[in-house]
Full PDB file with SEQRES, HELIX, SHEET, SSBOND, CRYST1, ORIGX, SCALE, CONECT and MASTER records, all heavy atoms in Angstrom:
SEQRES   1 A   26  THR LEU GLY ALA ALA TYR THR SER GLU VAL LEU ASP ILE          
SEQRES   2 A   26  LEU THR SER ASP PRO SER ILE TRP ALA LYS THR VAL PHE          
HELIX    1 AA1 LEU A    2  LEU A   14  1                                  13    
HELIX    2 AA2 PRO A   18  TRP A   21  1                                   4    
CRYST1    1.000    1.000    1.000  90.00  90.00  90.00 P 1           1          
ORIGX1      1.000000  0.000000  0.000000        0.00000                         
ORIGX2      0.000000  1.000000  0.000000        0.00000                         
ORIGX3      0.000000  0.000000  1.000000        0.00000                         
SCALE1      1.000000  0.000000  0.000000        0.00000                         
SCALE2      0.000000  1.000000  0.000000        0.00000                         
SCALE3      0.000000  0.000000  1.000000        0.00000                         
ATOM      1  N   THR A   1      -8.913 -13.180 -14.489  1.00  0.00           N  
ATOM      2  CA  THR A   1      -8.162 -14.006 -13.578  1.00  0.00           C  
ATOM      3  C   THR A   1      -6.656 -13.652 -13.594  1.00  0.00           C  
ATOM      4  O   THR A   1      -6.073 -13.850 -12.535  1.00  0.00           O  
ATOM      5  CB  THR A   1      -8.323 -15.554 -14.123  1.00  0.00           C  
ATOM      6  OG1 THR A   1      -8.087 -15.467 -15.437  1.00  0.00           O  
ATOM      7  CG2 THR A   1      -9.860 -15.947 -13.876  1.00  0.00           C  
ATOM      8  N   LEU A   2      -6.175 -13.154 -14.742  1.00  0.00           N  
ATOM      9  CA  LEU A   2      -4.742 -12.865 -14.785  1.00  0.00           C  
ATOM     10  C   LEU A   2      -4.427 -11.610 -13.919  1.00  0.00           C  
ATOM     11  O   LEU A   2      -3.397 -11.464 -13.255  1.00  0.00           O  
ATOM     12  CB  LEU A   2      -4.264 -12.623 -16.179  1.00  0.00           C  
ATOM     13  CG  LEU A   2      -4.032 -14.032 -16.963  1.00  0.00           C  
ATOM     14  CD1 LEU A   2      -3.945 -13.656 -18.416  1.00  0.00           C  
ATOM     15  CD2 LEU A   2      -2.918 -14.652 -16.470  1.00  0.00           C  
ATOM     16  N   GLY A   3      -5.502 -10.652 -13.966  1.00  0.00           N  
ATOM     17  CA  GLY A   3      -5.364  -9.449 -13.144  1.00  0.00           C  
ATOM     18  C   GLY A   3      -5.387  -9.866 -11.655  1.00  0.00           C  
ATOM     19  O   GLY A   3      -4.640  -9.252 -10.915  1.00  0.00           O  
ATOM     20  N   ALA A   4      -6.297 -10.734 -11.285  1.00  0.00           N  
ATOM     21  CA  ALA A   4      -6.308 -11.162  -9.896  1.00  0.00           C  
ATOM     22  C   ALA A   4      -4.987 -11.856  -9.483  1.00  0.00           C  
ATOM     23  O   ALA A   4      -4.624 -11.706  -8.274  1.00  0.00           O  
ATOM     24  CB  ALA A   4      -7.536 -12.118  -9.691  1.00  0.00           C  
ATOM     25  N   ALA A   5      -4.535 -12.693 -10.330  1.00  0.00           N  
ATOM     26  CA  ALA A   5      -3.170 -13.319 -10.123  1.00  0.00           C  
ATOM     27  C   ALA A   5      -2.144 -12.278  -9.808  1.00  0.00           C  
ATOM     28  O   ALA A   5      -1.310 -12.557  -8.880  1.00  0.00           O  
ATOM     29  CB  ALA A   5      -2.801 -14.352 -11.172  1.00  0.00           C  
ATOM     30  N   TYR A   6      -2.088 -11.296 -10.684  1.00  0.00           N  
ATOM     31  CA  TYR A   6      -1.027 -10.233 -10.365  1.00  0.00           C  
ATOM     32  C   TYR A   6      -1.227  -9.547  -9.031  1.00  0.00           C  
ATOM     33  O   TYR A   6      -0.266  -9.348  -8.329  1.00  0.00           O  
ATOM     34  CB  TYR A   6      -1.189  -9.303 -11.419  1.00  0.00           C  
ATOM     35  CG  TYR A   6       0.126  -8.419 -11.550  1.00  0.00           C  
ATOM     36  CD1 TYR A   6       1.195  -8.538 -12.394  1.00  0.00           C  
ATOM     37  CD2 TYR A   6       0.153  -7.140 -10.822  1.00  0.00           C  
ATOM     38  CE1 TYR A   6       2.303  -7.698 -12.461  1.00  0.00           C  
ATOM     39  CE2 TYR A   6       1.238  -6.253 -10.814  1.00  0.00           C  
ATOM     40  CZ  TYR A   6       2.276  -6.508 -11.676  1.00  0.00           C  
ATOM     41  OH  TYR A   6       3.454  -5.770 -11.669  1.00  0.00           O  
ATOM     42  N   THR A   7      -2.477  -9.157  -8.819  1.00  0.00           N  
ATOM     43  CA  THR A   7      -2.786  -8.466  -7.440  1.00  0.00           C  
ATOM     44  C   THR A   7      -2.441  -9.414  -6.250  1.00  0.00           C  
ATOM     45  O   THR A   7      -1.924  -8.946  -5.328  1.00  0.00           O  
ATOM     46  CB  THR A   7      -4.280  -8.165  -7.469  1.00  0.00           C  
ATOM     47  OG1 THR A   7      -4.553  -7.369  -8.529  1.00  0.00           O  
ATOM     48  CG2 THR A   7      -4.701  -7.539  -6.078  1.00  0.00           C  
ATOM     49  N   SER A   8      -2.707 -10.729  -6.384  1.00  0.00           N  
ATOM     50  CA  SER A   8      -2.391 -11.564  -5.358  1.00  0.00           C  
ATOM     51  C   SER A   8      -0.865 -11.701  -5.281  1.00  0.00           C  
ATOM     52  O   SER A   8      -0.385 -11.733  -4.001  1.00  0.00           O  
ATOM     53  CB  SER A   8      -2.921 -13.005  -5.608  1.00  0.00           C  
ATOM     54  OG  SER A   8      -2.463 -14.034  -4.816  1.00  0.00           O  
ATOM     55  N   GLU A   9      -0.115 -11.698  -6.340  1.00  0.00           N  
ATOM     56  CA  GLU A   9       1.421 -11.713  -6.162  1.00  0.00           C  
ATOM     57  C   GLU A   9       1.906 -10.412  -5.350  1.00  0.00           C  
ATOM     58  O   GLU A   9       2.793 -10.552  -4.639  1.00  0.00           O  
ATOM     59  CB  GLU A   9       2.025 -11.793  -7.543  1.00  0.00           C  
ATOM     60  CG  GLU A   9       3.409 -12.143  -7.657  1.00  0.00           C  
ATOM     61  CD  GLU A   9       3.766 -13.474  -7.255  1.00  0.00           C  
ATOM     62  OE1 GLU A   9       2.873 -14.398  -7.307  1.00  0.00           O  
ATOM     63  OE2 GLU A   9       4.861 -13.739  -6.844  1.00  0.00           O  
ATOM     64  N   VAL A  10       1.424  -9.285  -5.894  1.00  0.00           N  
ATOM     65  CA  VAL A  10       1.739  -8.026  -5.018  1.00  0.00           C  
ATOM     66  C   VAL A  10       1.491  -8.072  -3.569  1.00  0.00           C  
ATOM     67  O   VAL A  10       2.311  -7.852  -2.683  1.00  0.00           O  
ATOM     68  CB  VAL A  10       1.129  -6.871  -5.629  1.00  0.00           C  
ATOM     69  CG1 VAL A  10       1.425  -5.586  -4.981  1.00  0.00           C  
ATOM     70  CG2 VAL A  10       1.585  -6.644  -7.221  1.00  0.00           C  
ATOM     71  N   LEU A  11       0.306  -8.642  -3.245  1.00  0.00           N  
ATOM     72  CA  LEU A  11      -0.030  -8.879  -1.890  1.00  0.00           C  
ATOM     73  C   LEU A  11       0.722  -9.799  -1.155  1.00  0.00           C  
ATOM     74  O   LEU A  11       1.189  -9.764   0.106  1.00  0.00           O  
ATOM     75  CB  LEU A  11      -1.570  -9.266  -1.727  1.00  0.00           C  
ATOM     76  CG  LEU A  11      -2.651  -8.125  -1.929  1.00  0.00           C  
ATOM     77  CD1 LEU A  11      -4.007  -8.682  -1.925  1.00  0.00           C  
ATOM     78  CD2 LEU A  11      -2.492  -7.191  -0.635  1.00  0.00           C  
ATOM     79  N   ASP A  12       1.210 -10.921  -1.811  1.00  0.00           N  
ATOM     80  CA  ASP A  12       2.083 -11.780  -1.190  1.00  0.00           C  
ATOM     81  C   ASP A  12       3.558 -11.151  -0.809  1.00  0.00           C  
ATOM     82  O   ASP A  12       4.058 -11.487   0.101  1.00  0.00           O  
ATOM     83  CB  ASP A  12       2.488 -13.023  -2.230  1.00  0.00           C  
ATOM     84  CG  ASP A  12       1.292 -13.993  -2.327  1.00  0.00           C  
ATOM     85  OD1 ASP A  12       0.357 -13.908  -1.388  1.00  0.00           O  
ATOM     86  OD2 ASP A  12       1.349 -14.713  -3.207  1.00  0.00           O  
ATOM     87  N   ILE A  13       3.890 -10.337  -1.679  1.00  0.00           N  
ATOM     88  CA  ILE A  13       5.240  -9.570  -1.372  1.00  0.00           C  
ATOM     89  C   ILE A  13       4.955  -8.641  -0.293  1.00  0.00           C  
ATOM     90  O   ILE A  13       5.727  -8.492   0.684  1.00  0.00           O  
ATOM     91  CB  ILE A  13       5.553  -8.911  -2.633  1.00  0.00           C  
ATOM     92  CG1 ILE A  13       6.029  -9.811  -3.863  1.00  0.00           C  
ATOM     93  CG2 ILE A  13       6.832  -7.964  -2.297  1.00  0.00           C  
ATOM     94  CD1 ILE A  13       6.361  -9.233  -5.102  1.00  0.00           C  
ATOM     95  N   LEU A  14       3.909  -7.821  -0.232  1.00  0.00           N  
ATOM     96  CA  LEU A  14       3.737  -6.874   0.692  1.00  0.00           C  
ATOM     97  C   LEU A  14       3.419  -7.306   2.131  1.00  0.00           C  
ATOM     98  O   LEU A  14       3.849  -6.734   3.133  1.00  0.00           O  
ATOM     99  CB  LEU A  14       2.414  -5.889   0.321  1.00  0.00           C  
ATOM    100  CG  LEU A  14       2.606  -5.008  -0.799  1.00  0.00           C  
ATOM    101  CD1 LEU A  14       1.237  -4.288  -1.139  1.00  0.00           C  
ATOM    102  CD2 LEU A  14       3.706  -4.005  -0.577  1.00  0.00           C  
ATOM    103  N   THR A  15       2.783  -8.498   2.171  1.00  0.00           N  
ATOM    104  CA  THR A  15       2.528  -9.056   3.382  1.00  0.00           C  
ATOM    105  C   THR A  15       3.638 -10.166   3.882  1.00  0.00           C  
ATOM    106  O   THR A  15       3.447 -10.716   5.063  1.00  0.00           O  
ATOM    107  CB  THR A  15       1.130  -9.915   3.376  1.00  0.00           C  
ATOM    108  OG1 THR A  15       1.200 -10.843   2.419  1.00  0.00           O  
ATOM    109  CG2 THR A  15       0.032  -8.994   3.088  1.00  0.00           C  
ATOM    110  N   SER A  16       4.659 -10.286   3.213  1.00  0.00           N  
ATOM    111  CA  SER A  16       5.676 -11.158   3.638  1.00  0.00           C  
ATOM    112  C   SER A  16       6.526 -10.615   4.823  1.00  0.00           C  
ATOM    113  O   SER A  16       7.000 -11.467   5.586  1.00  0.00           O  
ATOM    114  CB  SER A  16       6.658 -11.374   2.459  1.00  0.00           C  
ATOM    115  OG  SER A  16       7.325 -10.102   2.114  1.00  0.00           O  
ATOM    116  N   ASP A  17       6.461  -9.387   5.065  1.00  0.00           N  
ATOM    117  CA  ASP A  17       7.146  -8.826   6.279  1.00  0.00           C  
ATOM    118  C   ASP A  17       5.996  -8.042   7.045  1.00  0.00           C  
ATOM    119  O   ASP A  17       5.539  -7.089   6.671  1.00  0.00           O  
ATOM    120  CB  ASP A  17       8.192  -7.895   5.859  1.00  0.00           C  
ATOM    121  CG  ASP A  17       8.955  -7.280   7.019  1.00  0.00           C  
ATOM    122  OD1 ASP A  17       8.465  -7.361   8.259  1.00  0.00           O  
ATOM    123  OD2 ASP A  17      10.089  -6.789   6.910  1.00  0.00           O  
ATOM    124  N   PRO A  18       5.441  -8.622   8.156  1.00  0.00           N  
ATOM    125  CA  PRO A  18       4.318  -8.014   8.929  1.00  0.00           C  
ATOM    126  C   PRO A  18       4.748  -6.576   9.324  1.00  0.00           C  
ATOM    127  O   PRO A  18       3.767  -5.722   9.424  1.00  0.00           O  
ATOM    128  CB  PRO A  18       4.256  -9.021  10.125  1.00  0.00           C  
ATOM    129  CG  PRO A  18       4.767 -10.256   9.661  1.00  0.00           C  
ATOM    130  CD  PRO A  18       5.891  -9.935   8.697  1.00  0.00           C  
ATOM    131  N   SER A  19       5.949  -6.188   9.657  1.00  0.00           N  
ATOM    132  CA  SER A  19       6.313  -4.833  10.047  1.00  0.00           C  
ATOM    133  C   SER A  19       6.047  -3.895   8.923  1.00  0.00           C  
ATOM    134  O   SER A  19       5.748  -2.766   9.109  1.00  0.00           O  
ATOM    135  CB  SER A  19       7.639  -4.770  10.541  1.00  0.00           C  
ATOM    136  OG  SER A  19       8.559  -5.070   9.493  1.00  0.00           O  
ATOM    137  N   ILE A  20       6.191  -4.288   7.621  1.00  0.00           N  
ATOM    138  CA  ILE A  20       5.971  -3.427   6.542  1.00  0.00           C  
ATOM    139  C   ILE A  20       4.525  -3.225   6.236  1.00  0.00           C  
ATOM    140  O   ILE A  20       4.013  -2.229   5.971  1.00  0.00           O  
ATOM    141  CB  ILE A  20       6.763  -4.062   5.211  1.00  0.00           C  
ATOM    142  CG1 ILE A  20       8.206  -3.975   5.467  1.00  0.00           C  
ATOM    143  CG2 ILE A  20       6.428  -3.143   4.056  1.00  0.00           C  
ATOM    144  CD1 ILE A  20       8.876  -2.701   5.677  1.00  0.00           C  
ATOM    145  N   TRP A  21       3.764  -4.467   6.288  1.00  0.00           N  
ATOM    146  CA  TRP A  21       2.440  -4.411   5.885  1.00  0.00           C  
ATOM    147  C   TRP A  21       1.777  -3.634   7.036  1.00  0.00           C  
ATOM    148  O   TRP A  21       0.698  -2.899   6.683  1.00  0.00           O  
ATOM    149  CB  TRP A  21       1.881  -5.964   6.012  1.00  0.00           C  
ATOM    150  CG  TRP A  21       0.319  -6.072   5.785  1.00  0.00           C  
ATOM    151  CD1 TRP A  21      -0.592  -6.521   6.702  1.00  0.00           C  
ATOM    152  CD2 TRP A  21      -0.344  -5.535   4.586  1.00  0.00           C  
ATOM    153  NE1 TRP A  21      -1.832  -6.371   6.222  1.00  0.00           N  
ATOM    154  CE2 TRP A  21      -1.669  -5.848   4.924  1.00  0.00           C  
ATOM    155  CE3 TRP A  21       0.033  -5.039   3.364  1.00  0.00           C  
ATOM    156  CZ2 TRP A  21      -2.742  -5.531   3.893  1.00  0.00           C  
ATOM    157  CZ3 TRP A  21      -1.003  -4.696   2.458  1.00  0.00           C  
ATOM    158  CH2 TRP A  21      -2.351  -5.035   2.802  1.00  0.00           C  
ATOM    159  N   ALA A  22       2.196  -3.544   8.268  1.00  0.00           N  
ATOM    160  CA  ALA A  22       1.449  -2.738   9.243  1.00  0.00           C  
ATOM    161  C   ALA A  22       1.428  -1.336   9.017  1.00  0.00           C  
ATOM    162  O   ALA A  22       0.670  -0.651   9.691  1.00  0.00           O  
ATOM    163  CB  ALA A  22       2.244  -3.063  10.615  1.00  0.00           C  
ATOM    164  N   LYS A  23       2.131  -0.883   8.076  1.00  0.00           N  
ATOM    165  CA  LYS A  23       2.139   0.604   7.747  1.00  0.00           C  
ATOM    166  C   LYS A  23       1.984   0.754   6.164  1.00  0.00           C  
ATOM    167  O   LYS A  23       2.438   1.754   5.511  1.00  0.00           O  
ATOM    168  CB  LYS A  23       3.404   1.285   8.137  1.00  0.00           C  
ATOM    169  CG  LYS A  23       4.694   0.677   7.631  1.00  0.00           C  
ATOM    170  CD  LYS A  23       5.884   1.391   8.195  1.00  0.00           C  
ATOM    171  CE  LYS A  23       7.193   0.673   7.734  1.00  0.00           C  
ATOM    172  NZ  LYS A  23       8.437   1.364   8.267  1.00  0.00           N  
ATOM    173  N   THR A  24       1.133  -0.090   5.578  1.00  0.00           N  
ATOM    174  CA  THR A  24       1.034  -0.080   4.149  1.00  0.00           C  
ATOM    175  C   THR A  24      -0.450   0.011   3.697  1.00  0.00           C  
ATOM    176  O   THR A  24      -1.343  -0.669   4.293  1.00  0.00           O  
ATOM    177  CB  THR A  24       1.709  -1.326   3.455  1.00  0.00           C  
ATOM    178  OG1 THR A  24       3.110  -1.316   3.828  1.00  0.00           O  
ATOM    179  CG2 THR A  24       1.364  -1.258   2.006  1.00  0.00           C  
ATOM    180  N   VAL A  25      -0.653   0.826   2.715  1.00  0.00           N  
ATOM    181  CA  VAL A  25      -1.994   0.904   1.950  1.00  0.00           C  
ATOM    182  C   VAL A  25      -1.740   0.534   0.506  1.00  0.00           C  
ATOM    183  O   VAL A  25      -0.883   1.090  -0.032  1.00  0.00           O  
ATOM    184  CB  VAL A  25      -2.686   2.252   2.128  1.00  0.00           C  
ATOM    185  CG1 VAL A  25      -3.917   2.217   1.259  1.00  0.00           C  
ATOM    186  CG2 VAL A  25      -3.025   2.563   3.503  1.00  0.00           C  
ATOM    187  N   PHE A  26      -2.571  -0.542   0.113  1.00  0.00           N  
ATOM    188  CA  PHE A  26      -2.339  -0.881  -1.422  1.00  0.00           C  
ATOM    189  C   PHE A  26      -3.735  -0.614  -2.037  1.00  0.00           C  
ATOM    190  O   PHE A  26      -4.739  -1.074  -1.725  1.00  0.00           O  
ATOM    191  CB  PHE A  26      -2.185  -2.497  -1.332  1.00  0.00           C  
ATOM    192  CG  PHE A  26      -2.011  -3.144  -2.765  1.00  0.00           C  
ATOM    193  CD1 PHE A  26      -1.541  -2.434  -3.747  1.00  0.00           C  
ATOM    194  CD2 PHE A  26      -2.688  -4.401  -3.005  1.00  0.00           C  
ATOM    195  CE1 PHE A  26      -1.326  -3.007  -5.025  1.00  0.00           C  
ATOM    196  CE2 PHE A  26      -2.502  -4.908  -4.219  1.00  0.00           C  
ATOM    197  CZ  PHE A  26      -1.864  -4.182  -5.202  1.00  0.00           C  
TER     198      PHE A  26                                                      
MASTER        0    0    0    2    0    0    0    6  197    1    0    2          
END                                                                             
């Protein structure tokens, strides 16, 4: 669950700007 929480936090950051997420692979 802690690993999932960390992954979720990274995704929150990556998707906070749609223009960045549109060219990102995680």
